[in-house]
Amino acid sequence: PPGGAPLNKICGVRDVVTAVATAEAGAEMIGLVFADSRRRVSVECAKEIVAAVRAWRRTPSAGLVVPQQLDGSSSVAERAVQLAVAVGRCRPLLVGVFAHQDIGSINRTALEVGLDAIQLAGGPQDAALVGSTPLPTIRTVHVADTATPAAVLAALAPSRMNAVLLDKKDASGALGGTGVPFDWSLAAEVAQQTPFFLAGGLSPTNVAAACRCVRPFAVDVSSGVETDNVKDIEKIRAFIQSCRTLSS
């Protein structure tokens, strides 16, 4: 948020021990990947993680508005404030990441696991799915090297999403977690118009600089807090601490 530390989301957590340690480190959102990825978790594993984190946080619900109840009467900025309030009340939120999956499967998994929110990471076609999800929803927009601020803002046209995440558009078709940033100067121009999650190539060593340049509402990290493709709790702690240095 402007003038303060951005919210943080640690994505791609795959086991109970790491999830609880990540919550203890100060994570405000934890991402569980159900899309095709080396970080993918099974439904049973996700249920165990959700149960453990819910027991740790001792607050049953974040109380966020679901997409069906959103319309043009609230701005993206107002929805960002609602998300920040929910995080303050119920940390960390548990976010399921889905891509190229049918809406029925997404909704069944989200409700069975007990997620707090859904992140759609499949590309432009996700825009049509946002109003059909039963939980608060974050939509991912992949930013190409040739993108302009106007094109990115057009892709963020008002819809029933609770928040939006900007990530690097990968030439290989990867949907995130590649460790590659996109143009921060472009992101900074977009941030002047609308709040978003900044993702792509962030790490404990560069997140503070990225946030000073872009001033995003929130930051999302996955590969940047891994060692040998495994989540590293020391890097997670360092990442969150780097974010907190921006609160003054």
Protein backbone atom coordinates (compact mmCIF):
# COMPACT_ATOMS: atom_id res chain seq x y z
CA PRO A 1 0.00 0.00 0.00
CA PRO A 2 1.28 3.51 -0.73
CA GLY A 3 3.50 4.79 2.04
CA GLY A 4 3.72 1.40 3.74
CA ALA A 5 4.94 -2.14 3.35
CA PRO A 6 3.30 -4.13 0.56
CA LEU A 7 1.35 -7.24 1.43
CA ASN A 8 3.33 -10.41 0.80
CA LYS A 9 2.35 -13.75 -0.73
CA ILE A 10 4.61 -16.78 -0.54
CA CYS A 11 3.60 -19.10 -3.37
CA GLY A 12 4.27 -22.76 -4.08
CA VAL A 13 4.36 -24.08 -0.51
CA ARG A 14 4.07 -27.87 -0.55
CA ASP A 15 4.16 -29.23 3.00
CA VAL A 16 2.75 -28.60 6.46
CA VAL A 17 6.04 -27.82 8.21
CA THR A 18 7.00 -25.15 5.67
CA ALA A 19 3.49 -23.70 5.65
CA VAL A 20 3.38 -23.22 9.43
CA ALA A 21 6.94 -21.87 9.50
CA THR A 22 5.98 -19.46 6.70
CA ALA A 23 2.97 -18.28 8.70
CA GLU A 24 5.18 -17.80 11.76
CA ALA A 25 7.63 -15.80 9.65
CA GLY A 26 4.89 -13.26 8.90
CA ALA A 27 3.41 -14.38 5.60
CA GLU A 28 0.17 -12.62 4.77
CA MET A 29 -0.85 -15.04 2.02
CA ILE A 30 0.32 -18.56 1.21
CA GLY A 31 -0.17 -19.94 -2.30
CA LEU A 32 -0.91 -23.61 -2.94
CA VAL A 33 -0.47 -24.61 -6.58
CA PHE A 34 -3.04 -26.91 -8.20
CA ALA A 35 -1.98 -26.04 -11.76
CA ASP A 36 0.40 -28.25 -13.74
CA SER A 37 3.73 -27.43 -12.08
CA ARG A 38 6.61 -29.01 -10.17
CA ARG A 39 5.14 -27.19 -7.16
CA ARG A 40 1.73 -28.80 -7.55
CA VAL A 41 0.14 -30.21 -4.40
CA SER A 42 -2.42 -32.97 -4.15
CA VAL A 43 -5.84 -32.28 -2.70
CA GLU A 44 -5.02 -34.42 0.34
CA CYS A 45 -1.74 -32.60 0.98
CA ALA A 46 -3.47 -29.25 0.56
CA LYS A 47 -6.12 -30.23 3.10
CA GLU A 48 -3.41 -31.03 5.63
CA ILE A 49 -1.72 -27.68 5.00
CA VAL A 50 -4.99 -25.77 5.30
CA ALA A 51 -5.92 -27.53 8.53
CA ALA A 52 -2.52 -26.79 10.06
CA VAL A 53 -2.51 -23.12 9.04
CA ARG A 54 -6.10 -22.60 10.18
CA ALA A 55 -5.20 -24.11 13.56
CA TRP A 56 -2.21 -21.78 13.78
CA ARG A 57 -4.06 -18.60 12.89
CA ARG A 58 -7.13 -19.38 15.06
CA THR A 59 -9.43 -17.23 12.90
CA PRO A 60 -11.87 -19.21 10.77
CA SER A 61 -12.70 -16.78 7.99
CA ALA A 62 -11.32 -13.69 6.29
CA GLY A 63 -14.82 -12.41 5.47
CA LEU A 64 -13.98 -11.24 1.94
CA VAL A 65 -16.70 -10.50 -0.60
CA VAL A 66 -17.03 -13.23 -3.24
CA PRO A 67 -16.96 -12.32 -6.96
CA GLN A 68 -20.70 -12.83 -7.53
CA GLN A 69 -21.33 -9.96 -5.11
CA LEU A 70 -18.93 -7.58 -6.83
CA ASP A 71 -20.07 -5.14 -9.47
CA GLY A 72 -19.02 -1.81 -10.90
CA SER A 73 -19.89 0.01 -7.71
CA SER A 74 -16.49 -0.73 -6.14
CA SER A 75 -13.13 0.16 -7.63
CA VAL A 76 -10.04 -2.04 -7.76
CA ALA A 77 -8.51 0.27 -5.15
CA GLU A 78 -11.48 -0.21 -2.80
CA ARG A 79 -11.23 -3.99 -3.24
CA ALA A 80 -7.51 -3.81 -2.42
CA VAL A 81 -8.35 -2.09 0.85
CA GLN A 82 -10.88 -4.85 1.61
CA LEU A 83 -8.17 -7.46 0.99
CA ALA A 84 -5.72 -5.67 3.27
CA VAL A 85 -8.35 -5.53 6.03
CA ALA A 86 -9.05 -9.26 5.59
CA VAL A 87 -5.34 -10.05 5.87
CA GLY A 88 -5.15 -7.99 9.05
CA ARG A 89 -8.00 -10.00 10.51
CA CYS A 90 -7.04 -13.45 9.28
CA ARG A 91 -3.38 -14.02 8.41
CA PRO A 92 -2.20 -15.81 6.33
CA LEU A 93 -4.89 -16.21 3.71
CA LEU A 94 -4.71 -19.52 1.85
CA VAL A 95 -4.80 -19.02 -1.91
CA GLY A 96 -5.17 -21.82 -4.46
CA VAL A 97 -3.49 -21.26 -7.83
CA PHE A 98 -5.26 -22.77 -10.86
CA ALA A 99 -4.60 -22.66 -14.61
CA HIS A 100 -6.22 -24.26 -17.65
CA GLN A 101 -8.73 -26.11 -15.48
CA ASP A 102 -12.50 -26.10 -15.94
CA ILE A 103 -14.49 -23.97 -13.56
CA GLY A 104 -16.29 -26.95 -12.04
CA SER A 105 -13.02 -28.61 -11.10
CA ILE A 106 -11.59 -25.37 -9.71
CA ASN A 107 -14.63 -24.72 -7.54
CA ARG A 108 -14.86 -28.29 -6.24
CA THR A 109 -11.18 -28.34 -5.28
CA ALA A 110 -11.29 -24.91 -3.66
CA LEU A 111 -14.26 -25.78 -1.48
CA GLU A 112 -13.06 -29.29 -0.62
CA VAL A 113 -9.64 -28.05 0.45
CA GLY A 114 -11.03 -25.09 2.40
CA LEU A 115 -9.21 -22.27 0.63
CA ASP A 116 -9.75 -18.58 1.43
CA ALA A 117 -9.22 -17.39 -2.14
CA ILE A 118 -8.59 -18.52 -5.71
CA GLN A 119 -5.89 -17.28 -8.08
CA LEU A 120 -6.53 -17.81 -11.78
CA ALA A 121 -3.22 -18.00 -13.67
CA GLY A 122 -4.26 -19.40 -17.04
CA GLY A 123 -4.21 -16.27 -19.18
CA PRO A 124 -6.79 -14.03 -20.91
CA GLN A 125 -9.49 -16.70 -20.90
CA ASP A 126 -9.63 -16.43 -17.11
CA ALA A 127 -11.53 -13.15 -17.39
CA ALA A 128 -14.66 -15.11 -18.25
CA LEU A 129 -14.29 -17.35 -15.19
CA VAL A 130 -13.91 -14.73 -12.48
CA GLY A 131 -17.63 -14.21 -11.83
CA SER A 132 -18.21 -17.96 -11.53
CA THR A 133 -15.95 -18.70 -8.57
CA PRO A 134 -17.34 -19.19 -5.05
CA LEU A 135 -14.38 -17.52 -3.30
CA PRO A 136 -12.54 -14.19 -3.52
CA THR A 137 -10.49 -14.30 -6.72
CA ILE A 138 -7.14 -12.93 -7.88
CA ARG A 139 -6.60 -12.86 -11.63
CA THR A 140 -3.09 -13.14 -13.12
CA VAL A 141 -2.19 -11.01 -16.14
CA HIS A 142 1.02 -11.98 -17.92
CA VAL A 143 3.01 -8.98 -19.19
CA ALA A 144 4.87 -9.33 -22.49
CA ASP A 145 8.18 -7.61 -23.23
CA THR A 146 6.39 -5.50 -25.85
CA ALA A 147 3.54 -4.43 -23.53
CA THR A 148 2.70 -0.81 -22.90
CA PRO A 149 1.12 0.61 -19.73
CA ALA A 150 -2.05 1.33 -21.71
CA ALA A 151 -2.26 -2.28 -22.93
CA VAL A 152 -1.78 -3.63 -19.41
CA LEU A 153 -4.42 -1.31 -18.00
CA ALA A 154 -6.81 -2.37 -20.77
CA ALA A 155 -6.27 -6.00 -19.76
CA LEU A 156 -7.28 -5.02 -16.22
CA ALA A 157 -10.65 -3.72 -17.34
CA PRO A 158 -13.22 -3.82 -14.54
CA SER A 159 -14.52 -7.27 -13.73
CA ARG A 160 -15.56 -9.20 -10.66
CA MET A 161 -12.01 -9.97 -9.54
CA ASN A 162 -10.98 -9.04 -6.00
CA ALA A 163 -7.39 -8.30 -7.05
CA VAL A 164 -4.97 -8.66 -9.95
CA LEU A 165 -1.43 -10.01 -10.15
CA LEU A 166 1.06 -8.99 -12.84
CA ASP A 167 3.74 -11.51 -13.84
CA LYS A 168 6.21 -11.95 -16.66
CA LYS A 169 4.85 -13.50 -19.86
CA ASP A 170 7.18 -16.42 -20.48
CA ALA A 171 8.07 -17.38 -24.05
CA SER A 172 7.94 -21.07 -23.14
CA GLY A 173 4.39 -20.75 -21.87
CA ALA A 174 5.23 -21.15 -18.17
CA LEU A 175 2.54 -19.54 -16.02
CA GLY A 176 4.69 -18.26 -13.16
CA GLY A 177 7.50 -19.21 -10.83
CA THR A 178 10.14 -18.69 -13.52
CA GLY A 179 12.23 -16.22 -11.52
CA VAL A 180 12.23 -13.69 -14.38
CA PRO A 181 11.05 -10.09 -13.82
CA PHE A 182 9.24 -7.87 -16.27
CA ASP A 183 9.88 -4.15 -16.82
CA TRP A 184 9.62 -2.45 -13.43
CA SER A 185 9.34 1.01 -15.03
CA LEU A 186 6.24 -0.18 -16.89
CA ALA A 187 4.90 -1.65 -13.66
CA ALA A 188 5.48 1.66 -11.91
CA GLU A 189 3.34 3.47 -14.48
CA VAL A 190 0.54 0.94 -14.05
CA ALA A 191 0.79 1.22 -10.24
CA GLN A 192 0.01 4.94 -10.49
CA GLN A 193 -3.40 3.97 -11.90
CA THR A 194 -4.37 0.78 -10.09
CA PRO A 195 -3.12 -1.46 -7.25
CA PHE A 196 -1.77 -4.93 -8.06
CA PHE A 197 0.41 -7.81 -6.90
CA LEU A 198 3.91 -7.62 -8.39
CA ALA A 199 5.41 -11.01 -9.31
CA GLY A 200 8.32 -12.25 -11.39
CA GLY A 201 11.95 -12.50 -10.37
CA LEU A 202 11.56 -11.16 -6.84
CA SER A 203 13.89 -12.28 -4.06
CA PRO A 204 15.02 -11.17 -0.59
CA THR A 205 17.83 -9.16 -2.20
CA ASN A 206 15.77 -7.18 -4.71
CA VAL A 207 12.24 -6.93 -3.35
CA ALA A 208 12.89 -3.68 -1.47
CA ALA A 209 14.34 -2.04 -4.61
CA ALA A 210 11.45 -3.36 -6.71
CA CYS A 211 8.92 -1.93 -4.27
CA ARG A 212 10.61 1.46 -4.11
CA CYS A 213 10.55 1.60 -7.91
CA VAL A 214 7.06 0.20 -8.53
CA ARG A 215 5.14 0.81 -5.28
CA PRO A 216 2.90 -2.24 -5.68
CA PHE A 217 0.02 -3.09 -3.40
CA ALA A 218 1.44 -6.58 -2.81
CA VAL A 219 4.37 -8.80 -3.83
CA ASP A 220 4.37 -12.47 -4.78
CA VAL A 221 7.40 -14.78 -4.63
CA SER A 222 8.07 -18.42 -5.37
CA SER A 223 11.43 -19.37 -6.92
CA GLY A 224 13.12 -16.41 -5.20
CA VAL A 225 12.72 -18.10 -1.80
CA GLU A 226 13.88 -21.54 -2.90
CA THR A 227 17.20 -23.38 -2.69
CA ASP A 228 17.62 -26.29 -5.11
CA ASN A 229 13.93 -26.02 -6.04
CA VAL A 230 12.78 -26.39 -2.42
CA LYS A 231 11.28 -23.64 -0.26
CA ASP A 232 13.97 -22.22 2.06
CA ILE A 233 12.52 -20.85 5.29
CA GLU A 234 15.51 -18.60 5.89
CA LYS A 235 14.96 -16.97 2.48
CA ILE A 236 11.25 -16.67 3.24
CA ARG A 237 12.03 -14.90 6.51
CA ALA A 238 14.51 -12.62 4.74
CA PHE A 239 11.99 -11.79 2.01
CA ILE A 240 9.27 -10.86 4.49
CA GLN A 241 11.71 -8.81 6.55
CA SER A 242 12.82 -6.94 3.43
CA CYS A 243 9.18 -6.09 2.75
CA ARG A 244 8.72 -4.85 6.30
CA THR A 245 11.62 -2.43 5.98
CA LEU A 246 9.39 -0.45 3.61
CA SER A 247 6.80 0.35 6.29
CA SER A 248 8.45 3.58 7.38
